Amino acid sequence: KLYQTKWLLWIIMFMIPFPYIANTAGWYTAELGRQPWLVYNLMRMVDGVSPTVSSGNTLFTFLGFVGLYILLGLLFLMLVLKIIRKGPETTVALT
């Protein structure tokens, strides 16, 4: 009966992004807390810059990853929609 109340279902639905937000906030806090070190007590952020990697190379790599994630997202959506269109399997109840 608890899972049939509409207000509880709405609250549960709106709570879906909270674990992602908490995870990201924790990661953000950990990364900001170790500044100015890239590797603690070994390499500072200033020493971690690569002069041989151009902004064009970085942009190309970034766009490649964006394209890959878009492709994977579209494939995932196509698979989920295919399963939804098929519908649940019907089973015969044994008496």
Protein backbone atom coordinates (compact mmCIF):
# COMPACT_ATOMS: atom_id res chain seq x y z
CA LYS A 1 0.00 0.00 0.00
CA LEU A 2 2.92 2.33 0.67
CA TYR A 3 4.05 2.24 -2.96
CA GLN A 4 0.57 3.01 -4.26
CA THR A 5 0.36 6.50 -2.76
CA LYS A 6 0.85 9.11 -5.44
CA TRP A 7 2.70 11.66 -3.32
CA LEU A 8 5.32 9.10 -2.27
CA LEU A 9 5.88 8.01 -5.85
CA TRP A 10 6.40 11.64 -6.89
CA ILE A 11 8.91 12.18 -4.09
CA ILE A 12 10.79 9.02 -5.05
CA MET A 13 10.86 10.11 -8.69
CA PHE A 14 12.31 13.53 -7.82
CA MET A 15 14.97 11.88 -5.62
CA ILE A 16 16.53 10.08 -8.60
CA PRO A 17 19.23 12.73 -9.33
CA PHE A 18 20.30 13.12 -5.67
CA PRO A 19 22.89 10.27 -5.64
CA TYR A 20 24.52 11.73 -8.76
CA ILE A 21 24.60 15.20 -7.21
CA ALA A 22 26.10 13.85 -3.96
CA ASN A 23 28.72 11.84 -5.85
CA THR A 24 29.71 14.81 -8.00
CA ALA A 25 29.86 17.16 -5.01
CA GLY A 26 32.11 14.72 -3.14
CA TRP A 27 34.43 14.36 -6.11
CA TYR A 28 34.51 18.14 -6.56
CA THR A 29 35.37 18.65 -2.90
CA ALA A 30 38.17 16.07 -3.04
CA GLU A 31 39.68 17.61 -6.16
CA LEU A 32 39.55 21.16 -4.84
CA GLY A 33 41.00 20.06 -1.52
CA ARG A 34 44.24 18.79 -3.03
CA GLN A 35 45.11 21.99 -4.90
CA PRO A 36 47.79 23.09 -5.81
CA TRP A 37 49.09 19.51 -6.14
CA LEU A 38 48.56 17.34 -9.21
CA VAL A 39 50.26 14.44 -7.39
CA TYR A 40 50.39 15.22 -3.67
CA ASN A 41 53.86 16.41 -2.56
CA LEU A 42 55.31 15.32 -5.90
CA MET A 43 53.98 17.43 -8.80
CA ARG A 44 52.32 20.83 -8.71
CA MET A 45 49.58 21.85 -11.16
CA VAL A 46 51.93 24.33 -12.86
CA ASP A 47 54.36 21.49 -13.67
CA GLY A 48 51.62 19.29 -15.15
CA VAL A 49 51.02 21.37 -18.26
CA SER A 50 52.11 19.75 -21.53
CA PRO A 51 53.52 22.21 -24.07
CA THR A 52 53.25 19.69 -26.92
CA VAL A 53 49.47 19.20 -26.75
CA SER A 54 47.71 21.95 -28.67
CA SER A 55 44.21 23.22 -28.05
CA GLY A 56 43.20 21.67 -31.38
CA ASN A 57 44.27 18.23 -30.18
CA THR A 58 42.32 18.70 -26.98
CA LEU A 59 39.22 19.85 -28.87
CA PHE A 60 39.47 16.91 -31.28
CA THR A 61 39.70 14.43 -28.40
CA PHE A 62 36.85 16.11 -26.52
CA LEU A 63 34.58 16.06 -29.58
CA GLY A 64 35.48 12.41 -30.16
CA PHE A 65 34.37 11.51 -26.64
CA VAL A 66 31.19 13.59 -27.00
CA GLY A 67 30.40 11.80 -30.27
CA LEU A 68 31.05 8.41 -28.70
CA TYR A 69 28.76 9.14 -25.75
CA ILE A 70 26.02 10.43 -28.07
CA LEU A 71 26.30 7.25 -30.13
CA LEU A 72 26.14 5.05 -27.03
CA GLY A 73 23.17 7.03 -25.70
CA LEU A 74 21.28 6.65 -28.97
CA LEU A 75 21.99 2.92 -29.09
CA PHE A 76 20.77 2.59 -25.50
CA LEU A 77 17.56 4.48 -26.29
CA MET A 78 16.94 2.37 -29.40
CA LEU A 79 17.37 -0.82 -27.36
CA VAL A 80 15.09 0.37 -24.56
CA LEU A 81 12.40 1.52 -27.01
CA LYS A 82 12.59 -1.83 -28.80
CA ILE A 83 12.04 -3.66 -25.52
CA ILE A 84 9.19 -1.31 -24.54
CA ARG A 85 7.44 -1.76 -27.90
CA LYS A 86 7.69 -5.53 -27.56
CA GLY A 87 5.89 -5.39 -24.23
CA PRO A 88 5.97 -7.84 -21.37
CA GLU A 89 6.05 -11.54 -21.99
CA THR A 90 2.74 -13.25 -21.41
CA THR A 91 2.76 -16.32 -19.23
CA VAL A 92 0.06 -18.86 -18.62
CA ALA A 93 -0.81 -19.38 -14.98
CA LEU A 94 -0.63 -22.99 -13.88
CA THR A 95 -3.66 -24.17 -11.93
